[in-house]
All heavy atoms as atom14 arrays in JSON, in Angstrom:
{
  "sequence": "VIDPDRHIKTVVPAPGAASVDPSRRAEGTWLRTG",
  "atom14_mask": [
    [1, 1, 1, 1, 1, 1, 1, 0, 0, 0, 0, 0, 0, 0],
    [1, 1, 1, 1, 1, 1, 1, 1, 0, 0, 0, 0, 0, 0],
    [1, 1, 1, 1, 1, 1, 1, 1, 0, 0, 0, 0, 0, 0],
    [1, 1, 1, 1, 1, 1, 1, 0, 0, 0, 0, 0, 0, 0],
    [1, 1, 1, 1, 1, 1, 1, 1, 0, 0, 0, 0, 0, 0],
    [1, 1, 1, 1, 1, 1, 1, 1, 1, 1, 1, 0, 0, 0],
    [1, 1, 1, 1, 1, 1, 1, 1, 1, 1, 0, 0, 0, 0],
    [1, 1, 1, 1, 1, 1, 1, 1, 0, 0, 0, 0, 0, 0],
    [1, 1, 1, 1, 1, 1, 1, 1, 1, 0, 0, 0, 0, 0],
    [1, 1, 1, 1, 1, 1, 1, 0, 0, 0, 0, 0, 0, 0],
    [1, 1, 1, 1, 1, 1, 1, 0, 0, 0, 0, 0, 0, 0],
    [1, 1, 1, 1, 1, 1, 1, 0, 0, 0, 0, 0, 0, 0],
    [1, 1, 1, 1, 1, 1, 1, 0, 0, 0, 0, 0, 0, 0],
    [1, 1, 1, 1, 1, 0, 0, 0, 0, 0, 0, 0, 0, 0],
    [1, 1, 1, 1, 1, 1, 1, 0, 0, 0, 0, 0, 0, 0],
    [1, 1, 1, 1, 0, 0, 0, 0, 0, 0, 0, 0, 0, 0],
    [1, 1, 1, 1, 1, 0, 0, 0, 0, 0, 0, 0, 0, 0],
    [1, 1, 1, 1, 1, 0, 0, 0, 0, 0, 0, 0, 0, 0],
    [1, 1, 1, 1, 1, 1, 0, 0, 0, 0, 0, 0, 0, 0],
    [1, 1, 1, 1, 1, 1, 1, 0, 0, 0, 0, 0, 0, 0],
    [1, 1, 1, 1, 1, 1, 1, 1, 0, 0, 0, 0, 0, 0],
    [1, 1, 1, 1, 1, 1, 1, 0, 0, 0, 0, 0, 0, 0],
    [1, 1, 1, 1, 1, 1, 0, 0, 0, 0, 0, 0, 0, 0],
    [1, 1, 1, 1, 1, 1, 1, 1, 1, 1, 1, 0, 0, 0],
    [1, 1, 1, 1, 1, 1, 1, 1, 1, 1, 1, 0, 0, 0],
    [1, 1, 1, 1, 1, 0, 0, 0, 0, 0, 0, 0, 0, 0],
    [1, 1, 1, 1, 1, 1, 1, 1, 1, 0, 0, 0, 0, 0],
    [1, 1, 1, 1, 0, 0, 0, 0, 0, 0, 0, 0, 0, 0],
    [1, 1, 1, 1, 1, 1, 1, 0, 0, 0, 0, 0, 0, 0],
    [1, 1, 1, 1, 1, 1, 1, 1, 1, 1, 1, 1, 1, 1],
    [1, 1, 1, 1, 1, 1, 1, 1, 0, 0, 0, 0, 0, 0],
    [1, 1, 1, 1, 1, 1, 1, 1, 1, 1, 1, 0, 0, 0],
    [1, 1, 1, 1, 1, 1, 1, 0, 0, 0, 0, 0, 0, 0],
    [1, 1, 1, 1, 0, 0, 0, 0, 0, 0, 0, 0, 0, 0]
  ],
  "atom14_positions": [
    [[8.36, 1.81, -9.43], [8.96, 3.14, -9.33], [9.4, 3.53, -10.73], [10.19, 2.8, -11.37], [10.14, 3.16, -8.36], [10.74, 4.56, -8.27], [9.7, 2.67, -6.97], [0.0, 0.0, 0.0], [0.0, 0.0, 0.0], [0.0, 0.0, 0.0], [0.0, 0.0, 0.0], [0.0, 0.0, 0.0], [0.0, 0.0, 0.0], [0.0, 0.0, 0.0]],
    [[8.91, 4.67, -11.22], [9.15, 5.07, -12.6], [9.95, 6.37, -12.63], [9.57, 7.36, -12.0], [7.8, 5.27, -13.33], [7.03, 3.96, -13.35], [8.01, 5.8, -14.75], [5.56, 4.12, -13.63], [0.0, 0.0, 0.0], [0.0, 0.0, 0.0], [0.0, 0.0, 0.0], [0.0, 0.0, 0.0], [0.0, 0.0, 0.0], [0.0, 0.0, 0.0]],
    [[11.05, 6.34, -13.35], [11.88, 7.53, -13.56], [11.8, 7.87, -15.05], [12.58, 7.34, -15.86], [13.33, 7.25, -13.15], [14.22, 8.49, -13.23], [13.84, 9.44, -13.95], [15.29, 8.5, -12.6], [0.0, 0.0, 0.0], [0.0, 0.0, 0.0], [0.0, 0.0, 0.0], [0.0, 0.0, 0.0], [0.0, 0.0, 0.0], [0.0, 0.0, 0.0]],
    [[10.87, 8.76, -15.43], [10.69, 9.05, -16.86], [11.88, 9.76, -17.48], [12.13, 9.61, -18.69], [9.43, 9.92, -16.89], [9.34, 10.52, -15.53], [9.91, 9.5, -14.59], [0.0, 0.0, 0.0], [0.0, 0.0, 0.0], [0.0, 0.0, 0.0], [0.0, 0.0, 0.0], [0.0, 0.0, 0.0], [0.0, 0.0, 0.0], [0.0, 0.0, 0.0]],
    [[12.62, 10.53, -16.7], [13.77, 11.25, -17.26], [14.87, 10.28, -17.7], [15.56, 10.52, -18.69], [14.32, 12.24, -16.23], [13.34, 13.37, -15.93], [12.5, 13.67, -16.8], [13.43, 13.95, -14.83], [0.0, 0.0, 0.0], [0.0, 0.0, 0.0], [0.0, 0.0, 0.0], [0.0, 0.0, 0.0], [0.0, 0.0, 0.0], [0.0, 0.0, 0.0]],
    [[15.03, 9.2, -16.96], [16.06, 8.21, -17.28], [15.49, 7.0, -18.03], [16.22, 6.08, -18.36], [16.76, 7.76, -15.99], [17.47, 8.9, -15.27], [17.91, 8.48, -13.87], [18.87, 7.39, -13.91], [19.19, 6.64, -12.86], [18.62, 6.86, -11.69], [20.07, 5.67, -12.99], [0.0, 0.0, 0.0], [0.0, 0.0, 0.0], [0.0, 0.0, 0.0]],
    [[14.18, 7.02, -18.24], [13.49, 5.95, -18.98], [13.72, 4.58, -18.33], [13.99, 3.59, -19.01], [13.95, 5.92, -20.45], [13.75, 7.22, -21.15], [12.51, 7.71, -21.53], [14.64, 8.18, -21.53], [12.64, 8.88, -22.11], [13.92, 9.21, -22.12], [0.0, 0.0, 0.0], [0.0, 0.0, 0.0], [0.0, 0.0, 0.0], [0.0, 0.0, 0.0]],
    [[13.6, 4.55, -16.98], [13.78, 3.29, -16.27], [12.63, 3.08, -15.28], [11.92, 4.02, -14.91], [15.12, 3.24, -15.51], [15.19, 4.35, -14.45], [16.3, 3.32, -16.47], [16.43, 4.28, -13.58], [0.0, 0.0, 0.0], [0.0, 0.0, 0.0], [0.0, 0.0, 0.0], [0.0, 0.0, 0.0], [0.0, 0.0, 0.0], [0.0, 0.0, 0.0]],
    [[12.48, 1.82, -14.88], [11.5, 1.47, -13.85], [12.08, 0.39, -12.97], [12.95, -0.39, -13.39], [10.19, 0.98, -14.49], [10.32, -0.33, -15.25], [8.99, -0.78, -15.84], [9.14, -2.1, -16.62], [7.85, -2.54, -17.21], [0.0, 0.0, 0.0], [0.0, 0.0, 0.0], [0.0, 0.0, 0.0], [0.0, 0.0, 0.0], [0.0, 0.0, 0.0]],
    [[11.6, 0.34, -11.72], [11.97, -0.71, -10.78], [10.69, -1.29, -10.21], [9.81, -0.54, -9.77], [12.85, -0.16, -9.65], [14.06, 0.37, -10.22], [13.2, -1.25, -8.65], [0.0, 0.0, 0.0], [0.0, 0.0, 0.0], [0.0, 0.0, 0.0], [0.0, 0.0, 0.0], [0.0, 0.0, 0.0], [0.0, 0.0, 0.0], [0.0, 0.0, 0.0]],
    [[10.56, -2.61, -10.23], [9.34, -3.27, -9.76], [9.67, -4.09, -8.53], [10.61, -4.9, -8.53], [8.74, -4.18, -10.86], [7.43, -4.8, -10.37], [8.51, -3.38, -12.14], [0.0, 0.0, 0.0], [0.0, 0.0, 0.0], [0.0, 0.0, 0.0], [0.0, 0.0, 0.0], [0.0, 0.0, 0.0], [0.0, 0.0, 0.0], [0.0, 0.0, 0.0]],
    [[8.9, -3.87, -7.45], [9.08, -4.6, -6.2], [7.71, -5.06, -5.71], [6.68, -4.56, -6.17], [9.77, -3.73, -5.12], [11.16, -3.32, -5.56], [8.92, -2.5, -4.81], [0.0, 0.0, 0.0], [0.0, 0.0, 0.0], [0.0, 0.0, 0.0], [0.0, 0.0, 0.0], [0.0, 0.0, 0.0], [0.0, 0.0, 0.0], [0.0, 0.0, 0.0]],
    [[7.65, -6.01, -4.77], [6.36, -6.42, -4.22], [5.67, -5.25, -3.51], [6.32, -4.47, -2.82], [6.73, -7.53, -3.23], [8.05, -8.04, -3.72], [8.77, -6.85, -4.27], [0.0, 0.0, 0.0], [0.0, 0.0, 0.0], [0.0, 0.0, 0.0], [0.0, 0.0, 0.0], [0.0, 0.0, 0.0], [0.0, 0.0, 0.0], [0.0, 0.0, 0.0]],
    [[4.37, -5.14, -3.68], [3.62, -4.06, -3.05], [3.42, -4.35, -1.57], [3.04, -5.46, -1.2], [2.26, -3.9, -3.72], [0.0, 0.0, 0.0], [0.0, 0.0, 0.0], [0.0, 0.0, 0.0], [0.0, 0.0, 0.0], [0.0, 0.0, 0.0], [0.0, 0.0, 0.0], [0.0, 0.0, 0.0], [0.0, 0.0, 0.0], [0.0, 0.0, 0.0]],
    [[3.69, -3.38, -0.7], [3.48, -3.6, 0.74], [2.01, -3.74, 1.07], [1.18, -2.96, 0.62], [4.08, -2.34, 1.38], [3.96, -1.29, 0.31], [4.16, -2.02, -1.0], [0.0, 0.0, 0.0], [0.0, 0.0, 0.0], [0.0, 0.0, 0.0], [0.0, 0.0, 0.0], [0.0, 0.0, 0.0], [0.0, 0.0, 0.0], [0.0, 0.0, 0.0]],
    [[1.67, -4.77, 1.84], [0.3, -4.94, 2.29], [-0.69, -5.28, 1.21], [-1.9, -5.16, 1.4], [0.0, 0.0, 0.0], [0.0, 0.0, 0.0], [0.0, 0.0, 0.0], [0.0, 0.0, 0.0], [0.0, 0.0, 0.0], [0.0, 0.0, 0.0], [0.0, 0.0, 0.0], [0.0, 0.0, 0.0], [0.0, 0.0, 0.0], [0.0, 0.0, 0.0]],
    [[-0.22, -5.76, 0.05], [-1.11, -5.94, -1.1], [-2.17, -7.0, -0.86], [-3.27, -6.92, -1.41], [-0.29, -6.3, -2.34], [0.0, 0.0, 0.0], [0.0, 0.0, 0.0], [0.0, 0.0, 0.0], [0.0, 0.0, 0.0], [0.0, 0.0, 0.0], [0.0, 0.0, 0.0], [0.0, 0.0, 0.0], [0.0, 0.0, 0.0], [0.0, 0.0, 0.0]],
    [[-1.86, -7.99, -0.04], [-2.79, -9.11, 0.13], [-4.06, -8.72, 0.87], [-5.06, -9.43, 0.82], [-2.09, -10.24, 0.88], [0.0, 0.0, 0.0], [0.0, 0.0, 0.0], [0.0, 0.0, 0.0], [0.0, 0.0, 0.0], [0.0, 0.0, 0.0], [0.0, 0.0, 0.0], [0.0, 0.0, 0.0], [0.0, 0.0, 0.0], [0.0, 0.0, 0.0]],
    [[-4.05, -7.57, 1.55], [-5.18, -7.26, 2.42], [-5.84, -5.93, 2.11], [-6.61, -5.42, 2.91], [-4.7, -7.25, 3.88], [-3.64, -6.35, 4.04], [0.0, 0.0, 0.0], [0.0, 0.0, 0.0], [0.0, 0.0, 0.0], [0.0, 0.0, 0.0], [0.0, 0.0, 0.0], [0.0, 0.0, 0.0], [0.0, 0.0, 0.0], [0.0, 0.0, 0.0]],
    [[-5.57, -5.36, 0.95], [-6.19, -4.09, 0.6], [-7.57, -4.37, 0.03], [-7.72, -4.8, -1.11], [-5.33, -3.31, -0.41], [-6.04, -2.04, -0.87], [-4.0, -2.95, 0.21], [0.0, 0.0, 0.0], [0.0, 0.0, 0.0], [0.0, 0.0, 0.0], [0.0, 0.0, 0.0], [0.0, 0.0, 0.0], [0.0, 0.0, 0.0], [0.0, 0.0, 0.0]],
    [[-8.57, -4.16, 0.84], [-9.97, -4.41, 0.45], [-10.8, -3.25, 0.96], [-10.98, -3.1, 2.17], [-10.44, -5.73, 1.06], [-11.88, -6.07, 0.67], [-12.57, -5.2, 0.09], [-12.31, -7.2, 0.95], [0.0, 0.0, 0.0], [0.0, 0.0, 0.0], [0.0, 0.0, 0.0], [0.0, 0.0, 0.0], [0.0, 0.0, 0.0], [0.0, 0.0, 0.0]],
    [[-11.31, -2.39, 0.06], [-12.06, -1.21, 0.51], [-13.29, -1.54, 1.35], [-13.75, -0.7, 2.11], [-12.46, -0.53, -0.81], [-11.47, -1.01, -1.81], [-11.15, -2.42, -1.4], [0.0, 0.0, 0.0], [0.0, 0.0, 0.0], [0.0, 0.0, 0.0], [0.0, 0.0, 0.0], [0.0, 0.0, 0.0], [0.0, 0.0, 0.0], [0.0, 0.0, 0.0]],
    [[-13.8, -2.75, 1.22], [-15.02, -3.1, 1.95], [-14.75, -3.56, 3.37], [-15.69, -3.73, 4.16], [-15.78, -4.2, 1.2], [-15.06, -5.43, 1.22], [0.0, 0.0, 0.0], [0.0, 0.0, 0.0], [0.0, 0.0, 0.0], [0.0, 0.0, 0.0], [0.0, 0.0, 0.0], [0.0, 0.0, 0.0], [0.0, 0.0, 0.0], [0.0, 0.0, 0.0]],
    [[-13.48, -3.77, 3.72], [-13.13, -4.27, 5.05], [-12.54, -3.17, 5.92], [-11.71, -2.37, 5.48], [-12.09, -5.4, 4.95], [-12.59, -6.67, 4.33], [-11.49, -7.71, 4.32], [-10.98, -7.98, 5.66], [-9.86, -8.67, 5.91], [-9.13, -9.12, 4.9], [-9.48, -8.89, 7.14], [0.0, 0.0, 0.0], [0.0, 0.0, 0.0], [0.0, 0.0, 0.0]],
    [[-12.97, -3.16, 7.17], [-12.31, -2.3, 8.15], [-11.02, -2.98, 8.6], [-10.88, -4.2, 8.5], [-13.22, -2.05, 9.35], [-14.42, -1.17, 9.04], [-15.28, -0.96, 10.27], [-16.44, -0.13, 9.98], [-16.48, 1.19, 10.09], [-15.4, 1.83, 10.51], [-17.57, 1.86, 9.81], [0.0, 0.0, 0.0], [0.0, 0.0, 0.0], [0.0, 0.0, 0.0]],
    [[-10.09, -2.18, 9.09], [-8.83, -2.73, 9.58], [-9.08, -3.55, 10.83], [-9.93, -3.21, 11.66], [-7.84, -1.61, 9.89], [0.0, 0.0, 0.0], [0.0, 0.0, 0.0], [0.0, 0.0, 0.0], [0.0, 0.0, 0.0], [0.0, 0.0, 0.0], [0.0, 0.0, 0.0], [0.0, 0.0, 0.0], [0.0, 0.0, 0.0], [0.0, 0.0, 0.0]],
    [[-8.33, -4.63, 10.95], [-8.36, -5.42, 12.17], [-7.11, -5.1, 12.98], [-6.29, -4.28, 12.58], [-8.47, -6.91, 11.83], [-9.78, -7.23, 11.11], [-9.9, -8.68, 10.7], [-8.93, -9.44, 10.91], [-10.95, -9.06, 10.15], [0.0, 0.0, 0.0], [0.0, 0.0, 0.0], [0.0, 0.0, 0.0], [0.0, 0.0, 0.0], [0.0, 0.0, 0.0]],
    [[-6.97, -5.73, 14.13], [-5.84, -5.39, 14.98], [-6.26, -4.43, 16.07], [-7.44, -4.32, 16.42], [0.0, 0.0, 0.0], [0.0, 0.0, 0.0], [0.0, 0.0, 0.0], [0.0, 0.0, 0.0], [0.0, 0.0, 0.0], [0.0, 0.0, 0.0], [0.0, 0.0, 0.0], [0.0, 0.0, 0.0], [0.0, 0.0, 0.0], [0.0, 0.0, 0.0]],
    [[-5.31, -3.71, 16.62], [-5.56, -2.83, 17.77], [-5.66, -1.38, 17.33], [-4.69, -0.8, 16.85], [-4.43, -2.97, 18.81], [-4.33, -4.34, 19.21], [-4.73, -2.11, 20.04], [0.0, 0.0, 0.0], [0.0, 0.0, 0.0], [0.0, 0.0, 0.0], [0.0, 0.0, 0.0], [0.0, 0.0, 0.0], [0.0, 0.0, 0.0], [0.0, 0.0, 0.0]],
    [[-6.86, -0.82, 17.48], [-7.12, 0.58, 17.16], [-7.9, 1.21, 18.3], [-8.75, 0.56, 18.9], [-7.94, 0.7, 15.88], [-7.25, 0.2, 14.65], [-7.14, -1.1, 14.23], [-6.56, 0.99, 13.67], [-6.44, -1.18, 13.05], [-6.08, 0.09, 12.68], [-6.33, 2.36, 13.54], [-5.36, 0.53, 11.58], [-5.62, 2.79, 12.43], [-5.14, 1.88, 11.46]],
    [[-7.62, 2.46, 18.58], [-8.33, 3.18, 19.63], [-8.82, 4.51, 19.06], [-8.02, 5.34, 18.64], [-7.41, 3.43, 20.83], [-8.01, 4.27, 21.98], [-9.19, 3.53, 22.62], [-6.95, 4.6, 23.01], [0.0, 0.0, 0.0], [0.0, 0.0, 0.0], [0.0, 0.0, 0.0], [0.0, 0.0, 0.0], [0.0, 0.0, 0.0], [0.0, 0.0, 0.0]],
    [[-10.13, 4.69, 19.06], [-10.69, 5.94, 18.59], [-10.42, 7.02, 19.64], [-10.77, 6.87, 20.82], [-12.21, 5.79, 18.38], [-12.88, 6.99, 17.72], [-14.38, 6.9, 17.92], [-14.94, 5.67, 17.4], [-15.52, 5.54, 16.21], [-15.64, 6.59, 15.42], [-16.01, 4.37, 15.84], [0.0, 0.0, 0.0], [0.0, 0.0, 0.0], [0.0, 0.0, 0.0]],
    [[-9.77, 8.11, 19.23], [-9.38, 9.14, 20.2], [-10.08, 10.48, 19.99], [-9.88, 11.4, 20.77], [-7.85, 9.37, 20.15], [-7.47, 9.77, 18.82], [-7.1, 8.11, 20.54], [0.0, 0.0, 0.0], [0.0, 0.0, 0.0], [0.0, 0.0, 0.0], [0.0, 0.0, 0.0], [0.0, 0.0, 0.0], [0.0, 0.0, 0.0], [0.0, 0.0, 0.0]],
    [[-10.89, 10.6, 18.95], [-11.59, 11.87, 18.74], [-11.81, 12.13, 17.28], [-11.8, 11.21, 16.45], [0.0, 0.0, 0.0], [0.0, 0.0, 0.0], [0.0, 0.0, 0.0], [0.0, 0.0, 0.0], [0.0, 0.0, 0.0], [0.0, 0.0, 0.0], [0.0, 0.0, 0.0], [0.0, 0.0, 0.0], [0.0, 0.0, 0.0], [0.0, 0.0, 0.0]]
  ]
}
């Protein structure tokens, strides 16, 4: 998170970072509705 006006940043672990792969479809429970 970057605040350029205050010249500060905060670094935290990225949510879901371990599984972000553009070549993979999501697993789990999904229902196509239209």
